[in-house]
Amino acid sequence: MKMSKFYTCQYIQCVQWCLVVILCVSFSGGINAESDWRYDVTLYANVPTLEVETQDGTKTTISRGDVISDLDLVYQSRLRAMKGKWSLTADLYYFDISNSDKVQLEPGVIRDKVSLQGFLGTPSIGYRVHGSATDDMSTHTDLYLGARYLWIDNDTWTTEEGPPPVATTTSVSFRNWDAIVGVRGRYFFNDRWYAPYFADIGSGESDSLGQAALGIAYRFRCFSMSGGWRYIRYNLGDSGGPVKELDASGPFVGVTLFFN
């Protein structure tokens, strides 16, 4: 049985906070840090265009406008804990979209509803290779290693005209774990404006995957606001069932809170 949308979102937030707490506790005992713990929390909204290619070569595009109009629930956030040059990050992205417009798929077969749920989770550990070990509000670059978990659930409800009418539900679901390596950082133009960025590549159960984002941000006293573009690509091979490739790209806006 699937959880309700509200409890799904609450569960994801709970998992994210528990992950960061557990990592911080275990991490603090193993590294002689140069400073106290520092934290930042980013809440963001990324609305991408989705492009899907199936194993038979069929390509489908879900436009950004369709994603917005069909969106039922979304939760996107990033938590980061830093100590000296080391950092721990948990990035979670959950969405639930559905469409109840009746569409004739073929003569005598009507699609009554389609829903798509997805989750992207990325825990990682990073090390600062350029910039101050204690000042996150200056130009710096971190290298990171981690894992990325992807699950997709797609349900389609159809009715075949009778008599009598025959209702059918078709479900497609897959889960993938992949290892990733990447780079992230901030480039400061002055004491207020800066460009956040990150990029990574990986492989595992997927044949290959990659992600990149670049933005512009303005820093206030204890928070910053940002906007930019994010791109994610998956080459799933045979691990995605009927889905061969998945691309998502689009703008994002976010707010980052700093706790030092």
Protein backbone atom coordinates (compact mmCIF):
# COMPACT_ATOMS: atom_id res chain seq x y z
CA MET A 1 0.00 0.00 0.00
CA LYS A 2 1.31 3.45 -0.90
CA MET A 3 1.55 6.11 1.77
CA SER A 4 -0.58 9.24 1.49
CA LYS A 5 1.12 12.26 -0.04
CA PHE A 6 1.29 14.05 3.34
CA TYR A 7 2.90 11.12 5.16
CA THR A 8 5.25 10.46 2.25
CA CYS A 9 6.57 14.02 2.52
CA GLN A 10 6.86 13.79 6.32
CA TYR A 11 8.70 10.48 6.01
CA ILE A 12 11.20 11.95 3.54
CA GLN A 13 11.93 14.92 5.81
CA CYS A 14 12.38 12.60 8.80
CA VAL A 15 14.80 10.37 6.88
CA GLN A 16 16.81 13.39 5.75
CA TRP A 17 17.21 14.85 9.23
CA CYS A 18 17.99 11.45 10.79
CA LEU A 19 20.65 10.83 8.13
CA VAL A 20 22.39 14.12 8.84
CA VAL A 21 22.24 13.63 12.63
CA ILE A 22 23.63 10.08 12.44
CA LEU A 23 26.43 11.12 10.10
CA CYS A 24 27.34 14.11 12.25
CA VAL A 25 27.54 12.00 15.41
CA SER A 26 29.70 9.33 13.81
CA PHE A 27 31.72 11.86 11.83
CA SER A 28 32.59 14.05 14.82
CA GLY A 29 34.45 11.28 16.59
CA GLY A 30 36.67 10.39 13.65
CA ILE A 31 38.13 13.68 12.44
CA ASN A 32 40.15 16.27 14.26
CA ALA A 33 38.39 19.35 12.96
CA GLU A 34 39.71 22.85 12.65
CA SER A 35 36.49 24.48 13.79
CA ASP A 36 33.05 23.90 15.22
CA TRP A 37 30.19 22.47 13.22
CA ARG A 38 28.56 24.75 10.68
CA TYR A 39 25.26 24.07 8.95
CA ASP A 40 23.19 25.33 6.07
CA VAL A 41 19.72 24.31 4.93
CA THR A 42 18.45 24.97 1.42
CA LEU A 43 14.79 24.80 0.42
CA TYR A 44 14.41 25.04 -3.33
CA ALA A 45 11.94 24.61 -6.16
CA ASN A 46 13.13 23.04 -9.40
CA VAL A 47 10.52 22.59 -12.15
CA PRO A 48 12.08 20.63 -15.02
CA THR A 49 11.04 19.50 -18.45
CA LEU A 50 11.09 15.68 -18.45
CA GLU A 51 12.28 13.67 -21.44
CA VAL A 52 11.86 9.89 -21.41
CA GLU A 53 13.09 7.34 -23.93
CA THR A 54 11.80 3.75 -23.72
CA GLN A 55 13.64 0.58 -24.70
CA ASP A 56 11.90 0.51 -28.09
CA GLY A 57 13.13 4.03 -28.90
CA THR A 58 9.88 5.89 -28.22
CA LYS A 59 10.54 9.38 -26.85
CA THR A 60 8.10 11.32 -24.68
CA THR A 61 8.45 14.90 -23.44
CA ILE A 62 6.54 16.29 -20.46
CA SER A 63 6.76 20.07 -20.71
CA ARG A 64 7.44 22.35 -17.77
CA GLY A 65 3.93 23.75 -18.07
CA ASP A 66 2.41 20.26 -17.86
CA VAL A 67 4.55 19.46 -14.83
CA ILE A 68 3.32 22.61 -13.05
CA SER A 69 -0.36 22.08 -13.92
CA ASP A 70 -0.31 18.37 -12.97
CA LEU A 71 1.83 18.71 -9.83
CA ASP A 72 0.20 17.23 -6.71
CA LEU A 73 3.10 17.38 -4.25
CA VAL A 74 6.77 18.30 -4.24
CA TYR A 75 9.50 18.43 -1.60
CA GLN A 76 13.05 19.56 -2.40
CA SER A 77 15.76 20.39 0.12
CA ARG A 78 19.45 20.10 0.85
CA LEU A 79 21.04 19.85 4.31
CA ARG A 80 24.77 20.33 4.80
CA ALA A 81 26.93 19.95 7.91
CA MET A 82 30.55 21.16 7.84
CA LYS A 83 33.50 20.82 10.18
CA GLY A 84 36.81 22.21 9.09
CA LYS A 85 37.40 21.16 5.50
CA TRP A 86 34.97 18.23 5.70
CA SER A 87 31.28 18.31 4.85
CA LEU A 88 28.28 15.98 4.90
CA THR A 89 25.35 16.63 2.60
CA ALA A 90 21.91 15.10 2.12
CA ASP A 91 19.94 16.22 -0.93
CA LEU A 92 16.34 14.99 -1.34
CA TYR A 93 13.97 15.54 -4.25
CA TYR A 94 10.43 14.12 -4.24
CA PHE A 95 7.61 14.80 -6.70
CA ASP A 96 4.13 13.48 -7.42
CA ILE A 97 2.29 14.44 -10.61
CA SER A 98 -0.93 13.09 -12.10
CA ASN A 99 -3.32 13.79 -14.94
CA SER A 100 -6.99 12.75 -15.12
CA ASP A 101 -7.75 13.94 -18.66
CA LYS A 102 -9.31 11.15 -20.67
CA VAL A 103 -7.19 10.25 -23.70
CA GLN A 104 -7.96 7.70 -26.40
CA LEU A 105 -4.86 5.51 -26.70
CA GLU A 106 -6.27 3.34 -29.50
CA PRO A 107 -9.73 2.49 -30.82
CA GLY A 108 -11.84 1.27 -27.91
CA VAL A 109 -9.19 2.00 -25.22
CA ILE A 110 -9.40 5.16 -23.06
CA ARG A 111 -6.75 6.30 -20.61
CA ASP A 112 -8.60 7.56 -17.54
CA LYS A 113 -5.67 8.69 -15.41
CA VAL A 114 -1.87 8.57 -15.24
CA SER A 115 0.35 9.28 -12.24
CA LEU A 116 4.11 9.59 -11.82
CA GLN A 117 5.95 9.58 -8.50
CA GLY A 118 9.69 10.01 -8.21
CA PHE A 119 12.34 10.32 -5.54
CA LEU A 120 16.02 11.26 -5.85
CA GLY A 121 18.20 11.00 -2.74
CA THR A 122 21.91 11.87 -2.59
CA PRO A 123 23.99 11.47 0.59
CA SER A 124 27.64 12.53 0.15
CA ILE A 125 30.86 13.38 1.97
CA GLY A 126 33.04 16.25 0.75
CA TYR A 127 36.48 17.73 1.31
CA ARG A 128 37.50 21.34 0.61
CA VAL A 129 40.40 21.52 -1.82
CA HIS A 130 40.38 25.29 -2.34
CA GLY A 131 39.43 28.17 -0.07
CA SER A 132 39.10 28.78 3.66
CA ALA A 133 38.38 25.81 5.89
CA THR A 134 36.09 27.88 8.11
CA ASP A 135 34.67 30.68 5.95
CA ASP A 136 31.88 29.39 3.70
CA MET A 137 31.07 32.92 2.58
CA SER A 138 34.19 33.16 0.42
CA THR A 139 35.22 31.47 -2.82
CA HIS A 140 35.79 27.76 -2.28
CA THR A 141 35.70 24.38 -4.04
CA ASP A 142 34.85 20.96 -2.55
CA LEU A 143 35.28 17.50 -4.02
CA TYR A 144 32.72 14.91 -2.91
CA LEU A 145 31.91 11.21 -3.04
CA GLY A 146 28.50 9.74 -2.45
CA ALA A 147 25.60 7.67 -3.67
CA ARG A 148 22.40 8.47 -5.50
CA TYR A 149 19.14 6.58 -5.09
CA LEU A 150 16.40 6.86 -7.70
CA TRP A 151 12.94 5.37 -7.61
CA ILE A 152 10.13 5.91 -10.09
CA ASP A 153 6.51 4.70 -9.85
CA ASN A 154 4.25 5.12 -12.89
CA ASP A 155 0.59 4.02 -12.78
CA THR A 156 -1.83 4.16 -15.72
CA TRP A 157 -5.58 3.52 -15.46
CA THR A 158 -7.36 2.54 -18.67
CA THR A 159 -10.84 1.40 -19.68
CA GLU A 160 -11.53 -0.89 -22.62
CA GLU A 161 -14.96 -0.33 -24.06
CA GLY A 162 -17.41 -3.22 -23.62
CA PRO A 163 -19.85 -4.51 -23.17
CA PRO A 164 -18.98 -4.82 -20.42
CA PRO A 165 -16.24 -2.14 -19.96
CA VAL A 166 -12.98 -3.54 -18.61
CA ALA A 167 -10.88 -1.35 -16.27
CA THR A 168 -7.14 -2.04 -16.06
CA THR A 169 -4.30 -0.57 -14.02
CA THR A 170 -0.74 -0.87 -15.34
CA SER A 171 2.19 -0.14 -13.03
CA VAL A 172 5.85 0.38 -13.86
CA SER A 173 8.36 0.77 -11.03
CA PHE A 174 12.13 0.66 -10.61
CA ARG A 175 14.80 1.56 -8.04
CA ASN A 176 18.48 2.25 -8.70
CA TRP A 177 21.57 2.81 -6.53
CA ASP A 178 24.63 4.47 -8.08
CA ALA A 179 27.99 5.74 -6.84
CA ILE A 180 28.91 9.34 -7.71
CA VAL A 181 31.92 11.66 -7.65
CA GLY A 182 31.67 15.39 -8.10
CA VAL A 183 32.72 18.96 -7.43
CA ARG A 184 30.77 21.82 -5.85
CA GLY A 185 31.48 25.28 -4.54
CA ARG A 186 30.75 29.00 -4.54
CA TYR A 187 32.47 31.74 -6.48
CA PHE A 188 32.12 35.17 -4.84
CA PHE A 189 32.05 38.29 -7.00
CA ASN A 190 31.96 40.48 -3.86
CA ASP A 191 30.75 40.14 -0.27
CA ARG A 192 27.10 39.77 -1.36
CA TRP A 193 26.87 38.24 -4.83
CA TYR A 194 28.14 34.76 -5.60
CA ALA A 195 27.64 31.85 -8.00
CA PRO A 196 26.87 28.42 -6.46
CA TYR A 197 27.63 25.39 -8.62
CA PHE A 198 27.94 21.63 -8.56
CA ALA A 199 28.44 18.77 -11.01
CA ASP A 200 28.84 15.01 -10.67
CA ILE A 201 28.95 11.79 -12.65
CA GLY A 202 28.43 8.20 -11.62
CA SER A 203 27.45 4.66 -12.40
CA GLY A 204 26.25 1.49 -10.71
CA GLU A 205 22.91 -0.12 -11.35
CA SER A 206 22.48 2.55 -14.04
CA ASP A 207 24.80 2.47 -17.02
CA SER A 208 25.71 6.12 -16.37
CA LEU A 209 24.33 9.31 -14.86
CA GLY A 210 25.29 12.93 -14.56
CA GLN A 211 24.12 16.13 -12.94
CA ALA A 212 25.09 19.80 -13.12
CA ALA A 213 23.75 23.07 -11.76
CA LEU A 214 24.81 26.70 -11.91
CA GLY A 215 23.16 29.68 -10.27
CA ILE A 216 23.45 33.23 -9.03
CA ALA A 217 22.81 34.13 -5.39
CA TYR A 218 22.58 37.16 -3.13
CA ARG A 219 23.60 36.91 0.51
CA PHE A 220 21.77 38.63 3.34
CA ARG A 221 22.78 38.51 7.00
CA CYS A 222 21.90 34.89 7.81
CA PHE A 223 20.39 33.60 4.56
CA SER A 224 20.73 33.88 0.81
CA MET A 225 18.38 33.69 -2.17
CA SER A 226 19.40 32.02 -5.40
CA GLY A 227 18.21 31.07 -8.86
CA GLY A 228 19.71 29.10 -11.70
CA TRP A 229 19.49 26.00 -13.88
CA ARG A 230 19.76 22.30 -13.01
CA TYR A 231 20.24 19.33 -15.35
CA ILE A 232 20.03 15.62 -14.54
CA ARG A 233 20.55 12.74 -16.97
CA TYR A 234 20.18 8.98 -16.47
CA ASN A 235 21.19 6.27 -18.92
CA LEU A 236 19.43 3.37 -17.22
CA GLY A 237 20.22 0.60 -19.70
CA ASP A 238 18.25 -2.51 -18.74
CA SER A 239 17.87 -1.53 -15.06
CA GLY A 240 14.96 0.86 -15.69
CA GLY A 241 12.57 -1.73 -17.08
CA PRO A 242 10.81 -0.13 -20.05
CA VAL A 243 12.66 3.20 -19.50
CA LYS A 244 16.06 3.49 -21.20
CA GLU A 245 16.98 7.16 -20.69
CA LEU A 246 15.64 9.91 -18.45
CA ASP A 247 16.50 13.61 -18.67
CA ALA A 248 15.28 16.46 -16.47
CA SER A 249 16.32 20.08 -16.92
CA GLY A 250 14.90 23.36 -15.77
CA PRO A 251 15.20 26.47 -13.61
CA PHE A 252 15.38 26.52 -9.83
CA VAL A 253 14.93 29.10 -7.09
CA GLY A 254 15.94 28.59 -3.49
CA VAL A 255 16.55 30.00 -0.03
CA THR A 256 19.58 28.93 2.02
CA LEU A 257 19.68 29.45 5.81
CA PHE A 258 23.08 29.57 7.55
CA PHE A 259 23.75 28.31 11.09
CA ASN A 260 27.28 28.84 12.41
